[in-house]
Amino acid sequence: MNQLQLQKAIHLSEHIGSDGSSVWTMVHLSEEHGGGEGSKNDRRAIQAELMEQDVEEKMQTILNKCIQHHQAILSFVTKLEAFLKPVMLMQLLGSMLAFCVIGFQMSLIPIHTESTKFAKLSVSLISALVEQGMFYWFGGELLEESYKTLNAAYYCEWYTANSKFRKHLHILMERAKIPVKLTAGGFSTLTLENFSKVVQSSYQYFTMLKAVHNEDTD
């Protein structure tokens, strides 16, 4: 009878709510009619079962919110990528040209006679580097956080959760395997590593332009 009452109490707790009032009523009836140590054990078992259900519900609620937030981020990045793709491509080409031209102009200015002009060009070059670098910096941060999403899902205590939680978490992890990134024209990902390549390319063009200029002056 105690085992049957325990099963009925757990069944009622799943349909009545989290307050568990009907469950405790049944427990008290069990104590009045059955009494003894068995009823106390039943009550402890019901408490443990309710606590476990409550924890699983909270975990599932948190996971659902994480999935919704992740989907919102993916939707926003997709729209942002569609808007920034051609813009960042033009800015990338313009920045490479600006780095090269400003650097070439600075190399032609005698610092001891035209220090003011040299300082203005230096400020312009630094401003262009910072402006372009900000896009690549935050693009790299976005990519890094997308990798952390997969790691966070993997290292949570999914092995203690129920099958529904593990199934939803697996779906989240499969989507998180695809990195969230922004690109310039769809071929250059916005990261600091690629920004360094842009600067190196600009410097190569600068040295080539400088060599051509030296040949013409000679």
C-alpha atoms as a PDB file:
ATOM      1  CA  MET A   1       0.000   0.000   0.000  1.00  0.00           C
ATOM      2  CA  ASN A   2       2.817   2.400   0.798  1.00  0.00           C
ATOM      3  CA  GLN A   3       4.415   1.815  -2.597  1.00  0.00           C
ATOM      4  CA  LEU A   4       1.069   2.314  -4.335  1.00  0.00           C
ATOM      5  CA  GLN A   5       0.431   5.559  -2.423  1.00  0.00           C
ATOM      6  CA  LEU A   6       3.904   6.793  -3.306  1.00  0.00           C
ATOM      7  CA  GLN A   7       3.269   6.233  -7.016  1.00  0.00           C
ATOM      8  CA  LYS A   8      -0.092   7.980  -6.825  1.00  0.00           C
ATOM      9  CA  ALA A   9       1.441  10.941  -4.996  1.00  0.00           C
ATOM     10  CA  ILE A  10       4.163  11.382  -7.592  1.00  0.00           C
ATOM     11  CA  HIS A  11       1.586  11.078 -10.345  1.00  0.00           C
ATOM     12  CA  LEU A  12      -0.550  13.800  -8.750  1.00  0.00           C
ATOM     13  CA  SER A  13       2.453  16.096  -8.315  1.00  0.00           C
ATOM     14  CA  GLU A  14       3.051  16.020 -12.066  1.00  0.00           C
ATOM     15  CA  HIS A  15      -0.468  17.283 -12.798  1.00  0.00           C
ATOM     16  CA  ILE A  16      -1.454  19.499  -9.880  1.00  0.00           C
ATOM     17  CA  GLY A  17       1.541  21.851  -9.642  1.00  0.00           C
ATOM     18  CA  SER A  18       4.721  22.644  -7.822  1.00  0.00           C
ATOM     19  CA  ASP A  19       3.075  23.365  -4.452  1.00  0.00           C
ATOM     20  CA  GLY A  20       2.578  19.655  -3.838  1.00  0.00           C
ATOM     21  CA  SER A  21      -0.410  20.212  -1.531  1.00  0.00           C
ATOM     22  CA  SER A  22      -2.247  17.086  -2.662  1.00  0.00           C
ATOM     23  CA  VAL A  23       0.955  15.109  -2.340  1.00  0.00           C
ATOM     24  CA  TRP A  24       1.409  16.080   1.277  1.00  0.00           C
ATOM     25  CA  THR A  25      -2.268  15.382   1.957  1.00  0.00           C
ATOM     26  CA  MET A  26      -1.795  11.862   0.708  1.00  0.00           C
ATOM     27  CA  VAL A  27       1.348  11.491   2.779  1.00  0.00           C
ATOM     28  CA  HIS A  28      -0.488  12.556   5.918  1.00  0.00           C
ATOM     29  CA  LEU A  29      -3.280  10.102   5.150  1.00  0.00           C
ATOM     30  CA  SER A  30      -0.665   7.434   4.708  1.00  0.00           C
ATOM     31  CA  GLU A  31       0.841   8.307   8.089  1.00  0.00           C
ATOM     32  CA  GLU A  32      -2.576   8.243   9.770  1.00  0.00           C
ATOM     33  CA  HIS A  33      -3.587   4.890   8.321  1.00  0.00           C
ATOM     34  CA  GLY A  34      -0.260   3.158   7.866  1.00  0.00           C
ATOM     35  CA  GLY A  35       1.942   5.000  10.360  1.00  0.00           C
ATOM     36  CA  GLY A  36       5.413   3.854  11.279  1.00  0.00           C
ATOM     37  CA  GLU A  37       8.799   4.190   9.706  1.00  0.00           C
ATOM     38  CA  GLY A  38       7.536   3.185   6.277  1.00  0.00           C
ATOM     39  CA  SER A  39       5.427   6.316   5.937  1.00  0.00           C
ATOM     40  CA  LYS A  40       8.386   8.518   6.858  1.00  0.00           C
ATOM     41  CA  ASN A  41      10.473   6.801   4.240  1.00  0.00           C
ATOM     42  CA  ASP A  42       7.716   7.352   1.699  1.00  0.00           C
ATOM     43  CA  ARG A  43       7.662  11.040   2.553  1.00  0.00           C
ATOM     44  CA  ARG A  44      11.404  11.333   2.129  1.00  0.00           C
ATOM     45  CA  ALA A  45      11.162   9.534  -1.197  1.00  0.00           C
ATOM     46  CA  ILE A  46       8.437  11.907  -2.377  1.00  0.00           C
ATOM     47  CA  GLN A  47      10.475  14.918  -1.272  1.00  0.00           C
ATOM     48  CA  ALA A  48      13.512  13.639  -3.140  1.00  0.00           C
ATOM     49  CA  GLU A  49      11.431  12.957  -6.234  1.00  0.00           C
ATOM     50  CA  LEU A  50       9.848  16.420  -6.161  1.00  0.00           C
ATOM     51  CA  MET A  51      13.221  18.096  -5.680  1.00  0.00           C
ATOM     52  CA  GLU A  52      14.642  16.161  -8.607  1.00  0.00           C
ATOM     53  CA  GLN A  53      11.691  17.132 -10.793  1.00  0.00           C
ATOM     54  CA  ASP A  54      12.062  20.775  -9.766  1.00  0.00           C
ATOM     55  CA  VAL A  55      15.769  20.801 -10.638  1.00  0.00           C
ATOM     56  CA  GLU A  56      15.119  19.179 -14.014  1.00  0.00           C
ATOM     57  CA  GLU A  57      12.387  21.717 -14.794  1.00  0.00           C
ATOM     58  CA  LYS A  58      14.697  24.597 -13.918  1.00  0.00           C
ATOM     59  CA  MET A  59      17.500  23.136 -16.047  1.00  0.00           C
ATOM     60  CA  GLN A  60      15.129  22.698 -18.962  1.00  0.00           C
ATOM     61  CA  THR A  61      13.837  26.271 -18.579  1.00  0.00           C
ATOM     62  CA  ILE A  62      17.365  27.683 -18.544  1.00  0.00           C
ATOM     63  CA  LEU A  63      18.330  25.604 -21.573  1.00  0.00           C
ATOM     64  CA  ASN A  64      15.263  26.795 -23.477  1.00  0.00           C
ATOM     65  CA  LYS A  65      16.187  30.416 -22.744  1.00  0.00           C
ATOM     66  CA  CYS A  66      19.767  29.772 -23.891  1.00  0.00           C
ATOM     67  CA  ILE A  67      18.514  28.223 -27.133  1.00  0.00           C
ATOM     68  CA  GLN A  68      16.170  31.150 -27.781  1.00  0.00           C
ATOM     69  CA  HIS A  69      18.967  33.633 -27.071  1.00  0.00           C
ATOM     70  CA  HIS A  70      21.336  31.715 -29.349  1.00  0.00           C
ATOM     71  CA  GLN A  71      18.774  31.693 -32.152  1.00  0.00           C
ATOM     72  CA  ALA A  72      18.261  35.443 -31.754  1.00  0.00           C
ATOM     73  CA  ILE A  73      22.015  36.019 -32.030  1.00  0.00           C
ATOM     74  CA  LEU A  74      22.239  33.840 -35.141  1.00  0.00           C
ATOM     75  CA  SER A  75      19.378  35.707 -36.778  1.00  0.00           C
ATOM     76  CA  PHE A  76      20.939  39.079 -35.971  1.00  0.00           C
ATOM     77  CA  VAL A  77      24.394  38.060 -37.242  1.00  0.00           C
ATOM     78  CA  THR A  78      22.888  36.740 -40.481  1.00  0.00           C
ATOM     79  CA  LYS A  79      21.200  40.078 -41.151  1.00  0.00           C
ATOM     80  CA  LEU A  80      24.310  42.005 -40.111  1.00  0.00           C
ATOM     81  CA  GLU A  81      26.508  39.896 -42.378  1.00  0.00           C
ATOM     82  CA  ALA A  82      24.205  40.480 -45.354  1.00  0.00           C
ATOM     83  CA  PHE A  83      24.432  44.236 -44.745  1.00  0.00           C
ATOM     84  CA  LEU A  84      28.149  44.498 -43.938  1.00  0.00           C
ATOM     85  CA  LYS A  85      29.521  42.080 -46.543  1.00  0.00           C
ATOM     86  CA  PRO A  86      29.786  44.601 -49.437  1.00  0.00           C
ATOM     87  CA  VAL A  87      30.472  47.520 -47.106  1.00  0.00           C
ATOM     88  CA  MET A  88      33.389  45.803 -45.379  1.00  0.00           C
ATOM     89  CA  LEU A  89      34.823  44.735 -48.741  1.00  0.00           C
ATOM     90  CA  MET A  90      34.921  48.335 -49.972  1.00  0.00           C
ATOM     91  CA  GLN A  91      36.306  49.511 -46.644  1.00  0.00           C
ATOM     92  CA  LEU A  92      38.955  46.789 -46.746  1.00  0.00           C
ATOM     93  CA  LEU A  93      40.187  47.863 -50.181  1.00  0.00           C
ATOM     94  CA  GLY A  94      39.976  51.527 -49.224  1.00  0.00           C
ATOM     95  CA  SER A  95      41.910  50.969 -46.022  1.00  0.00           C
ATOM     96  CA  MET A  96      44.693  49.097 -47.782  1.00  0.00           C
ATOM     97  CA  LEU A  97      44.998  51.945 -50.274  1.00  0.00           C
ATOM     98  CA  ALA A  98      44.902  54.559 -47.491  1.00  0.00           C
ATOM     99  CA  PHE A  99      47.600  52.799 -45.455  1.00  0.00           C
ATOM    100  CA  CYS A 100      49.828  52.602 -48.511  1.00  0.00           C
ATOM    101  CA  VAL A 101      49.347  56.205 -49.675  1.00  0.00           C
ATOM    102  CA  ILE A 102      49.647  57.797 -46.239  1.00  0.00           C
ATOM    103  CA  GLY A 103      52.769  55.788 -45.490  1.00  0.00           C
ATOM    104  CA  PHE A 104      54.275  56.799 -48.832  1.00  0.00           C
ATOM    105  CA  GLN A 105      53.528  60.479 -48.194  1.00  0.00           C
ATOM    106  CA  MET A 106      55.099  60.254 -44.744  1.00  0.00           C
ATOM    107  CA  SER A 107      58.251  58.748 -46.242  1.00  0.00           C
ATOM    108  CA  LEU A 108      58.646  61.768 -48.541  1.00  0.00           C
ATOM    109  CA  ILE A 109      58.283  64.436 -45.853  1.00  0.00           C
ATOM    110  CA  PRO A 110      61.431  65.721 -44.159  1.00  0.00           C
ATOM    111  CA  ILE A 111      60.597  65.567 -40.458  1.00  0.00           C
ATOM    112  CA  HIS A 112      62.947  68.375 -39.387  1.00  0.00           C
ATOM    113  CA  THR A 113      61.359  70.902 -41.760  1.00  0.00           C
ATOM    114  CA  GLU A 114      57.727  69.803 -41.989  1.00  0.00           C
ATOM    115  CA  SER A 115      57.116  68.174 -38.634  1.00  0.00           C
ATOM    116  CA  THR A 116      53.537  69.489 -38.413  1.00  0.00           C
ATOM    117  CA  LYS A 117      52.503  67.879 -41.687  1.00  0.00           C
ATOM    118  CA  PHE A 118      54.247  64.662 -40.674  1.00  0.00           C
ATOM    119  CA  ALA A 119      52.362  64.641 -37.368  1.00  0.00           C
ATOM    120  CA  LYS A 120      49.033  65.173 -39.134  1.00  0.00           C
ATOM    121  CA  LEU A 121      49.707  62.274 -41.471  1.00  0.00           C
ATOM    122  CA  SER A 122      50.751  60.124 -38.515  1.00  0.00           C
ATOM    123  CA  VAL A 123      47.464  60.866 -36.762  1.00  0.00           C
ATOM    124  CA  SER A 124      45.573  60.057 -39.961  1.00  0.00           C
ATOM    125  CA  LEU A 125      47.392  56.738 -40.323  1.00  0.00           C
ATOM    126  CA  ILE A 126      46.780  55.770 -36.702  1.00  0.00           C
ATOM    127  CA  SER A 127      43.106  56.746 -36.979  1.00  0.00           C
ATOM    128  CA  ALA A 128      42.695  54.626 -40.115  1.00  0.00           C
ATOM    129  CA  LEU A 129      44.373  51.663 -38.411  1.00  0.00           C
ATOM    130  CA  VAL A 130      42.190  51.967 -35.312  1.00  0.00           C
ATOM    131  CA  GLU A 131      38.994  52.405 -37.324  1.00  0.00           C
ATOM    132  CA  GLN A 132      39.630  49.343 -39.460  1.00  0.00           C
ATOM    133  CA  GLY A 133      41.048  47.349 -36.566  1.00  0.00           C
ATOM    134  CA  MET A 134      37.910  47.800 -34.466  1.00  0.00           C
ATOM    135  CA  PHE A 135      35.836  45.831 -36.959  1.00  0.00           C
ATOM    136  CA  TYR A 136      38.355  43.009 -36.999  1.00  0.00           C
ATOM    137  CA  TRP A 137      38.687  43.078 -33.198  1.00  0.00           C
ATOM    138  CA  PHE A 138      34.979  42.701 -32.493  1.00  0.00           C
ATOM    139  CA  GLY A 139      34.628  40.222 -35.352  1.00  0.00           C
ATOM    140  CA  GLY A 140      37.291  38.097 -33.673  1.00  0.00           C
ATOM    141  CA  GLU A 141      35.525  38.406 -30.317  1.00  0.00           C
ATOM    142  CA  LEU A 142      32.288  37.211 -31.925  1.00  0.00           C
ATOM    143  CA  LEU A 143      34.047  34.198 -33.414  1.00  0.00           C
ATOM    144  CA  GLU A 144      35.733  33.371 -30.095  1.00  0.00           C
ATOM    145  CA  GLU A 145      32.446  33.543 -28.178  1.00  0.00           C
ATOM    146  CA  SER A 146      30.796  31.221 -30.693  1.00  0.00           C
ATOM    147  CA  TYR A 147      33.453  28.607 -29.922  1.00  0.00           C
ATOM    148  CA  LYS A 148      32.878  29.108 -26.189  1.00  0.00           C
ATOM    149  CA  THR A 149      29.191  28.286 -26.663  1.00  0.00           C
ATOM    150  CA  LEU A 150      30.074  24.786 -27.823  1.00  0.00           C
ATOM    151  CA  ASN A 151      32.548  24.276 -24.974  1.00  0.00           C
ATOM    152  CA  ALA A 152      30.070  25.530 -22.366  1.00  0.00           C
ATOM    153  CA  ALA A 153      27.412  23.110 -23.606  1.00  0.00           C
ATOM    154  CA  TYR A 154      29.857  20.201 -23.587  1.00  0.00           C
ATOM    155  CA  TYR A 155      31.244  20.817 -20.102  1.00  0.00           C
ATOM    156  CA  CYS A 156      27.887  21.242 -18.363  1.00  0.00           C
ATOM    157  CA  GLU A 157      26.623  18.288 -16.309  1.00  0.00           C
ATOM    158  CA  TRP A 158      24.480  16.947 -19.135  1.00  0.00           C
ATOM    159  CA  TYR A 159      25.112  13.354 -18.030  1.00  0.00           C
ATOM    160  CA  THR A 160      22.996  13.928 -14.905  1.00  0.00           C
ATOM    161  CA  ALA A 161      19.998  15.291 -16.851  1.00  0.00           C
ATOM    162  CA  ASN A 162      17.072  13.468 -18.395  1.00  0.00           C
ATOM    163  CA  SER A 163      16.831  12.389 -22.024  1.00  0.00           C
ATOM    164  CA  LYS A 164      14.792  15.442 -23.096  1.00  0.00           C
ATOM    165  CA  PHE A 165      17.455  17.826 -21.797  1.00  0.00           C
ATOM    166  CA  ARG A 166      20.253  15.861 -23.466  1.00  0.00           C
ATOM    167  CA  LYS A 167      18.392  15.820 -26.763  1.00  0.00           C
ATOM    168  CA  HIS A 168      17.857  19.589 -26.795  1.00  0.00           C
ATOM    169  CA  LEU A 169      21.446  20.193 -25.704  1.00  0.00           C
ATOM    170  CA  HIS A 170      22.709  17.974 -28.517  1.00  0.00           C
ATOM    171  CA  ILE A 171      20.782  20.053 -31.054  1.00  0.00           C
ATOM    172  CA  LEU A 172      22.306  23.231 -29.611  1.00  0.00           C
ATOM    173  CA  MET A 173      25.807  21.755 -29.798  1.00  0.00           C
ATOM    174  CA  GLU A 174      25.363  20.652 -33.398  1.00  0.00           C
ATOM    175  CA  ARG A 175      24.406  24.212 -34.390  1.00  0.00           C
ATOM    176  CA  ALA A 176      27.212  25.696 -32.301  1.00  0.00           C
ATOM    177  CA  LYS A 177      29.749  23.695 -34.327  1.00  0.00           C
ATOM    178  CA  ILE A 178      29.209  26.188 -37.156  1.00  0.00           C
ATOM    179  CA  PRO A 179      31.179  29.324 -36.187  1.00  0.00           C
ATOM    180  CA  VAL A 180      29.353  32.640 -36.030  1.00  0.00           C
ATOM    181  CA  LYS A 181      31.443  35.132 -37.976  1.00  0.00           C
ATOM    182  CA  LEU A 182      31.423  38.309 -40.015  1.00  0.00           C
ATOM    183  CA  THR A 183      33.321  38.609 -43.289  1.00  0.00           C
ATOM    184  CA  ALA A 184      34.535  41.241 -45.722  1.00  0.00           C
ATOM    185  CA  GLY A 185      32.969  40.330 -49.034  1.00  0.00           C
ATOM    186  CA  GLY A 186      32.435  36.744 -47.925  1.00  0.00           C
ATOM    187  CA  PHE A 187      36.084  35.670 -48.231  1.00  0.00           C
ATOM    188  CA  SER A 188      37.996  37.428 -45.428  1.00  0.00           C
ATOM    189  CA  THR A 189      36.818  36.712 -41.881  1.00  0.00           C
ATOM    190  CA  LEU A 190      37.004  39.663 -39.508  1.00  0.00           C
ATOM    191  CA  THR A 191      39.703  38.573 -37.073  1.00  0.00           C
ATOM    192  CA  LEU A 192      42.883  40.189 -35.770  1.00  0.00           C
ATOM    193  CA  GLU A 193      44.942  37.628 -37.669  1.00  0.00           C
ATOM    194  CA  ASN A 194      43.405  38.693 -40.961  1.00  0.00           C
ATOM    195  CA  PHE A 195      43.809  42.340 -39.985  1.00  0.00           C
ATOM    196  CA  SER A 196      47.543  41.782 -39.594  1.00  0.00           C
ATOM    197  CA  LYS A 197      47.544  40.306 -43.103  1.00  0.00           C
ATOM    198  CA  VAL A 198      45.827  43.436 -44.394  1.00  0.00           C
ATOM    199  CA  VAL A 199      48.494  45.611 -42.810  1.00  0.00           C
ATOM    200  CA  GLN A 200      51.249  43.399 -44.228  1.00  0.00           C
ATOM    201  CA  SER A 201      49.733  43.632 -47.704  1.00  0.00           C
ATOM    202  CA  SER A 202      49.553  47.407 -47.397  1.00  0.00           C
ATOM    203  CA  TYR A 203      53.200  47.517 -46.373  1.00  0.00           C
ATOM    204  CA  GLN A 204      54.172  45.395 -49.385  1.00  0.00           C
ATOM    205  CA  TYR A 205      52.355  47.801 -51.699  1.00  0.00           C
ATOM    206  CA  PHE A 206      54.080  50.676 -49.905  1.00  0.00           C
ATOM    207  CA  THR A 207      57.548  49.193 -50.447  1.00  0.00           C
ATOM    208  CA  MET A 208      56.738  48.549 -54.109  1.00  0.00           C
ATOM    209  CA  LEU A 209      55.506  52.121 -54.556  1.00  0.00           C
ATOM    210  CA  LYS A 210      58.577  53.416 -52.752  1.00  0.00           C
ATOM    211  CA  ALA A 211      60.884  51.386 -54.993  1.00  0.00           C
ATOM    212  CA  VAL A 212      59.181  52.683 -58.149  1.00  0.00           C
ATOM    213  CA  HIS A 213      59.487  56.246 -56.865  1.00  0.00           C
ATOM    214  CA  ASN A 214      63.182  55.822 -56.097  1.00  0.00           C
ATOM    215  CA  GLU A 215      63.809  54.448 -59.571  1.00  0.00           C
ATOM    216  CA  ASP A 216      62.059  57.438 -61.145  1.00  0.00           C
ATOM    217  CA  THR A 217      64.018  59.942 -59.068  1.00  0.00           C
ATOM    218  CA  ASP A 218      67.313  58.234 -59.901  1.00  0.00           C
END
